[in-house]
Amino acid sequence: MAKMSLELSDGLQQLKRLFVDYQHEPRVLEPDDARIIQQCIELCYARARELENEVSAKRWNDEARRDRLVEMDRILSEIQRPGTNVMLFPVVERPIFEGSSRL
């Protein structure tokens, strides 16, 4: 399993710290501070999107895997039902050509 990145939570924590000085008294947001905040938000957005895509792909693949298992169970139950005309094809051994120069 791949190690989980903490970039998003760390970035959000950093963003929170940028606003600490603004909690106690009114302050004007300087343009440089605004650019830093925008960059931090952009990095957090990019990481959040990556994580969303990763979770979406995992959910999609898990659902497809479940669907395949349900279909396989349905087919197997049909095969095992008495009087069915469903038959398995025989397994045919195929020759293995080792050392073949053709790819």
N, C-alpha and C. Protein backbone atom coordinates (compact mmCIF):
# COMPACT_ATOMS: atom_id res chain seq x y z
N MET A 1 0.84 -1.18 0.00
CA MET A 1 0.00 0.00 0.00
C MET A 1 0.88 1.24 0.00
N ALA A 2 0.54 2.20 -0.82
CA ALA A 2 1.31 3.43 -0.92
C ALA A 2 1.12 4.27 0.34
N LYS A 3 2.17 4.99 0.69
CA LYS A 3 2.12 5.84 1.87
C LYS A 3 1.20 7.03 1.59
N MET A 4 0.34 7.33 2.55
CA MET A 4 -0.60 8.43 2.41
C MET A 4 0.12 9.76 2.58
N SER A 5 -0.08 10.66 1.66
CA SER A 5 0.52 11.98 1.72
C SER A 5 -0.26 12.87 2.68
N LEU A 6 0.45 13.70 3.40
CA LEU A 6 -0.17 14.65 4.32
C LEU A 6 -0.11 16.07 3.78
N GLU A 7 0.17 16.21 2.50
CA GLU A 7 0.30 17.54 1.90
C GLU A 7 -0.95 18.40 2.10
N LEU A 8 -2.10 17.80 1.93
CA LEU A 8 -3.33 18.58 2.02
C LEU A 8 -3.56 19.08 3.44
N SER A 9 -3.50 18.20 4.42
CA SER A 9 -3.74 18.63 5.81
C SER A 9 -2.65 19.59 6.28
N ASP A 10 -1.41 19.34 5.89
CA ASP A 10 -0.34 20.26 6.26
C ASP A 10 -0.53 21.62 5.61
N GLY A 11 -0.96 21.62 4.36
CA GLY A 11 -1.21 22.88 3.67
C GLY A 11 -2.35 23.66 4.31
N LEU A 12 -3.39 22.96 4.71
CA LEU A 12 -4.51 23.64 5.39
C LEU A 12 -4.08 24.19 6.74
N GLN A 13 -3.24 23.45 7.45
CA GLN A 13 -2.72 23.93 8.73
C GLN A 13 -1.86 25.19 8.52
N GLN A 14 -1.06 25.19 7.48
CA GLN A 14 -0.24 26.36 7.16
C GLN A 14 -1.13 27.55 6.81
N LEU A 15 -2.17 27.31 6.06
CA LEU A 15 -3.10 28.37 5.71
C LEU A 15 -3.77 28.95 6.95
N LYS A 16 -4.14 28.08 7.87
CA LYS A 16 -4.74 28.53 9.14
C LYS A 16 -3.77 29.42 9.90
N ARG A 17 -2.48 29.04 9.94
CA ARG A 17 -1.47 29.83 10.66
C ARG A 17 -1.29 31.21 10.03
N LEU A 18 -1.49 31.31 8.72
CA LEU A 18 -1.34 32.61 8.06
C LEU A 18 -2.38 33.61 8.56
N PHE A 19 -3.49 33.13 9.08
CA PHE A 19 -4.56 34.02 9.54
C PHE A 19 -4.54 34.30 11.04
N VAL A 20 -3.59 33.73 11.77
CA VAL A 20 -3.54 33.91 13.23
C VAL A 20 -3.46 35.39 13.60
N ASP A 21 -2.62 36.14 12.91
CA ASP A 21 -2.46 37.57 13.23
C ASP A 21 -3.73 38.37 12.98
N TYR A 22 -4.63 37.87 12.17
CA TYR A 22 -5.86 38.59 11.83
C TYR A 22 -6.98 38.33 12.84
N GLN A 23 -6.78 37.41 13.77
CA GLN A 23 -7.83 37.04 14.72
C GLN A 23 -8.02 38.06 15.83
N HIS A 24 -6.98 38.75 16.21
CA HIS A 24 -7.04 39.58 17.40
C HIS A 24 -7.31 41.05 17.12
N GLU A 25 -7.02 41.50 15.95
CA GLU A 25 -7.25 42.91 15.61
C GLU A 25 -7.45 43.03 14.11
N PRO A 26 -8.16 44.06 13.70
CA PRO A 26 -8.36 44.26 12.26
C PRO A 26 -7.03 44.58 11.59
N ARG A 27 -6.81 43.95 10.47
CA ARG A 27 -5.59 44.20 9.70
C ARG A 27 -5.94 44.25 8.22
N VAL A 28 -5.10 44.90 7.49
CA VAL A 28 -5.26 44.98 6.04
C VAL A 28 -4.44 43.86 5.42
N LEU A 29 -5.06 43.14 4.49
CA LEU A 29 -4.36 42.06 3.81
C LEU A 29 -3.49 42.66 2.71
N GLU A 30 -2.21 42.54 2.89
CA GLU A 30 -1.25 43.08 1.92
C GLU A 30 -1.25 42.21 0.66
N PRO A 31 -0.96 42.81 -0.49
CA PRO A 31 -0.95 42.04 -1.73
C PRO A 31 -0.01 40.83 -1.69
N ASP A 32 1.16 40.97 -1.09
CA ASP A 32 2.07 39.82 -0.99
C ASP A 32 1.46 38.70 -0.16
N ASP A 33 0.80 39.06 0.95
CA ASP A 33 0.13 38.06 1.77
C ASP A 33 -1.00 37.38 0.99
N ALA A 34 -1.73 38.18 0.23
CA ALA A 34 -2.82 37.62 -0.57
C ALA A 34 -2.29 36.63 -1.60
N ARG A 35 -1.16 36.94 -2.23
CA ARG A 35 -0.56 36.01 -3.21
C ARG A 35 -0.10 34.72 -2.53
N ILE A 36 0.49 34.83 -1.35
CA ILE A 36 0.92 33.63 -0.62
C ILE A 36 -0.28 32.77 -0.26
N ILE A 37 -1.34 33.41 0.19
CA ILE A 37 -2.56 32.67 0.54
C ILE A 37 -3.15 32.00 -0.70
N GLN A 38 -3.17 32.71 -1.82
CA GLN A 38 -3.68 32.13 -3.06
C GLN A 38 -2.85 30.92 -3.49
N GLN A 39 -1.53 31.02 -3.37
CA GLN A 39 -0.66 29.90 -3.75
C GLN A 39 -0.93 28.70 -2.84
N CYS A 40 -1.09 28.96 -1.55
CA CYS A 40 -1.36 27.88 -0.61
C CYS A 40 -2.70 27.22 -0.93
N ILE A 41 -3.71 28.01 -1.22
CA ILE A 41 -5.02 27.47 -1.57
C ILE A 41 -4.93 26.66 -2.87
N GLU A 42 -4.18 27.16 -3.84
CA GLU A 42 -4.03 26.46 -5.11
C GLU A 42 -3.35 25.10 -4.92
N LEU A 43 -2.32 25.05 -4.08
CA LEU A 43 -1.66 23.77 -3.79
C LEU A 43 -2.60 22.81 -3.08
N CYS A 44 -3.37 23.32 -2.13
CA CYS A 44 -4.33 22.48 -1.42
C CYS A 44 -5.41 21.98 -2.38
N TYR A 45 -5.86 22.85 -3.26
CA TYR A 45 -6.87 22.46 -4.26
C TYR A 45 -6.33 21.33 -5.14
N ALA A 46 -5.10 21.48 -5.62
CA ALA A 46 -4.52 20.47 -6.52
C ALA A 46 -4.40 19.12 -5.80
N ARG A 47 -3.95 19.14 -4.56
CA ARG A 47 -3.80 17.89 -3.81
C ARG A 47 -5.17 17.27 -3.51
N ALA A 48 -6.14 18.12 -3.15
CA ALA A 48 -7.49 17.62 -2.90
C ALA A 48 -8.06 16.96 -4.15
N ARG A 49 -7.84 17.55 -5.32
CA ARG A 49 -8.33 16.98 -6.57
C ARG A 49 -7.66 15.64 -6.85
N GLU A 50 -6.35 15.54 -6.59
CA GLU A 50 -5.65 14.27 -6.78
C GLU A 50 -6.25 13.18 -5.89
N LEU A 51 -6.49 13.53 -4.63
CA LEU A 51 -7.07 12.56 -3.70
C LEU A 51 -8.49 12.17 -4.11
N GLU A 52 -9.27 13.14 -4.56
CA GLU A 52 -10.63 12.83 -5.03
C GLU A 52 -10.60 11.87 -6.21
N ASN A 53 -9.69 12.11 -7.15
CA ASN A 53 -9.56 11.23 -8.32
C ASN A 53 -9.12 9.83 -7.90
N GLU A 54 -8.20 9.77 -6.96
CA GLU A 54 -7.73 8.48 -6.47
C GLU A 54 -8.86 7.69 -5.79
N VAL A 55 -9.62 8.36 -4.95
CA VAL A 55 -10.74 7.72 -4.27
C VAL A 55 -11.81 7.29 -5.28
N SER A 56 -12.08 8.16 -6.25
CA SER A 56 -13.07 7.84 -7.27
C SER A 56 -12.66 6.60 -8.06
N ALA A 57 -11.40 6.52 -8.45
CA ALA A 57 -10.92 5.36 -9.21
C ALA A 57 -11.03 4.09 -8.37
N LYS A 58 -10.67 4.19 -7.09
CA LYS A 58 -10.76 3.02 -6.22
C LYS A 58 -12.20 2.56 -6.07
N ARG A 59 -13.11 3.50 -5.86
CA ARG A 59 -14.53 3.13 -5.73
C ARG A 59 -15.05 2.52 -7.02
N TRP A 60 -14.68 3.09 -8.15
CA TRP A 60 -15.11 2.59 -9.46
C TRP A 60 -14.61 1.16 -9.66
N ASN A 61 -13.33 0.92 -9.35
CA ASN A 61 -12.75 -0.41 -9.51
C ASN A 61 -13.36 -1.41 -8.54
N ASP A 62 -13.60 -0.99 -7.31
CA ASP A 62 -14.24 -1.89 -6.33
C ASP A 62 -15.64 -2.27 -6.78
N GLU A 63 -16.39 -1.32 -7.31
CA GLU A 63 -17.74 -1.60 -7.79
C GLU A 63 -17.70 -2.56 -8.99
N ALA A 64 -16.75 -2.34 -9.89
CA ALA A 64 -16.61 -3.24 -11.05
C ALA A 64 -16.24 -4.65 -10.60
N ARG A 65 -15.37 -4.75 -9.60
CA ARG A 65 -14.99 -6.06 -9.06
C ARG A 65 -16.20 -6.76 -8.45
N ARG A 66 -17.01 -6.00 -7.70
CA ARG A 66 -18.23 -6.58 -7.11
C ARG A 66 -19.19 -7.04 -8.20
N ASP A 67 -19.34 -6.23 -9.24
CA ASP A 67 -20.23 -6.61 -10.34
C ASP A 67 -19.76 -7.90 -11.01
N ARG A 68 -18.45 -8.05 -11.21
CA ARG A 68 -17.92 -9.28 -11.82
C ARG A 68 -18.21 -10.49 -10.94
N LEU A 69 -18.03 -10.33 -9.63
CA LEU A 69 -18.30 -11.45 -8.72
C LEU A 69 -19.77 -11.83 -8.73
N VAL A 70 -20.67 -10.85 -8.76
CA VAL A 70 -22.11 -11.14 -8.81
C VAL A 70 -22.44 -11.88 -10.10
N GLU A 71 -21.88 -11.43 -11.20
CA GLU A 71 -22.13 -12.08 -12.49
C GLU A 71 -21.57 -13.50 -12.49
N MET A 72 -20.39 -13.68 -11.94
CA MET A 72 -19.79 -15.00 -11.88
C MET A 72 -20.64 -15.93 -11.00
N ASP A 73 -21.12 -15.42 -9.88
CA ASP A 73 -22.00 -16.23 -9.02
C ASP A 73 -23.29 -16.61 -9.73
N ARG A 74 -23.83 -15.68 -10.50
CA ARG A 74 -25.07 -15.95 -11.25
C ARG A 74 -24.84 -17.05 -12.28
N ILE A 75 -23.72 -16.97 -12.98
CA ILE A 75 -23.40 -17.98 -13.99
C ILE A 75 -23.16 -19.34 -13.34
N LEU A 76 -22.41 -19.35 -12.24
CA LEU A 76 -22.14 -20.61 -11.56
C LEU A 76 -23.41 -21.25 -11.02
N SER A 77 -24.31 -20.45 -10.49
CA SER A 77 -25.56 -21.02 -9.98
C SER A 77 -26.41 -21.58 -11.13
N GLU A 78 -26.34 -20.95 -12.28
CA GLU A 78 -27.07 -21.45 -13.45
C GLU A 78 -26.46 -22.77 -13.94
N ILE A 79 -25.15 -22.87 -13.90
CA ILE A 79 -24.47 -24.10 -14.32
C ILE A 79 -24.86 -25.25 -13.40
N GLN A 80 -24.97 -24.97 -12.12
CA GLN A 80 -25.23 -26.01 -11.13
C GLN A 80 -26.71 -26.39 -11.04
N ARG A 81 -27.56 -25.64 -11.67
CA ARG A 81 -29.00 -25.92 -11.61
C ARG A 81 -29.29 -27.19 -12.40
N PRO A 82 -30.01 -28.15 -11.81
CA PRO A 82 -30.31 -29.40 -12.52
C PRO A 82 -31.16 -29.12 -13.77
N GLY A 83 -30.85 -29.81 -14.84
CA GLY A 83 -31.63 -29.70 -16.07
C GLY A 83 -31.24 -28.53 -16.95
N THR A 84 -30.19 -27.84 -16.60
CA THR A 84 -29.79 -26.69 -17.41
C THR A 84 -29.07 -27.15 -18.67
N ASN A 85 -29.10 -26.31 -19.68
CA ASN A 85 -28.38 -26.65 -20.91
C ASN A 85 -27.06 -25.88 -21.01
N VAL A 86 -26.65 -25.25 -19.93
CA VAL A 86 -25.39 -24.52 -19.91
C VAL A 86 -24.28 -25.52 -19.63
N MET A 87 -23.24 -25.46 -20.46
CA MET A 87 -22.11 -26.38 -20.29
C MET A 87 -20.82 -25.58 -20.33
N LEU A 88 -19.85 -26.07 -19.59
CA LEU A 88 -18.53 -25.46 -19.64
C LEU A 88 -17.76 -26.02 -20.83
N PHE A 89 -17.01 -25.18 -21.47
CA PHE A 89 -16.14 -25.66 -22.54
C PHE A 89 -14.99 -26.43 -21.92
N PRO A 90 -14.56 -27.49 -22.59
CA PRO A 90 -13.42 -28.23 -22.05
C PRO A 90 -12.15 -27.39 -22.16
N VAL A 91 -11.26 -27.60 -21.20
CA VAL A 91 -9.98 -26.90 -21.23
C VAL A 91 -9.10 -27.60 -22.24
N VAL A 92 -8.60 -26.83 -23.19
CA VAL A 92 -7.74 -27.38 -24.24
C VAL A 92 -6.33 -26.89 -23.99
N GLU A 93 -5.43 -27.85 -23.88
CA GLU A 93 -4.03 -27.48 -23.67
C GLU A 93 -3.50 -26.84 -24.94
N ARG A 94 -2.79 -25.77 -24.77
CA ARG A 94 -2.19 -25.09 -25.92
C ARG A 94 -0.68 -25.23 -25.82
N PRO A 95 -0.04 -25.45 -26.95
CA PRO A 95 1.42 -25.61 -26.89
C PRO A 95 2.09 -24.29 -26.51
N ILE A 96 3.17 -24.39 -25.76
CA ILE A 96 3.94 -23.22 -25.38
C ILE A 96 5.23 -23.27 -26.17
N PHE A 97 5.47 -22.23 -26.91
CA PHE A 97 6.67 -22.16 -27.73
C PHE A 97 7.72 -21.35 -26.99
N GLU A 98 8.64 -22.05 -26.36
CA GLU A 98 9.71 -21.37 -25.65
C GLU A 98 10.86 -21.12 -26.61
N GLY A 99 11.48 -19.97 -26.45
CA GLY A 99 12.62 -19.64 -27.27
C GLY A 99 12.24 -19.20 -28.67
N SER A 100 10.97 -18.88 -28.87
CA SER A 100 10.54 -18.44 -30.18
C SER A 100 11.11 -17.06 -30.44
N SER A 101 11.58 -16.85 -31.68
CA SER A 101 12.14 -15.55 -32.03
C SER A 101 11.07 -14.53 -32.39
N ARG A 102 9.85 -15.00 -32.61
CA ARG A 102 8.75 -14.11 -32.94
C ARG A 102 8.13 -13.57 -31.66
N LEU A 103 7.78 -12.28 -31.69
CA LEU A 103 7.10 -11.66 -30.55
C LEU A 103 5.69 -11.35 -30.89
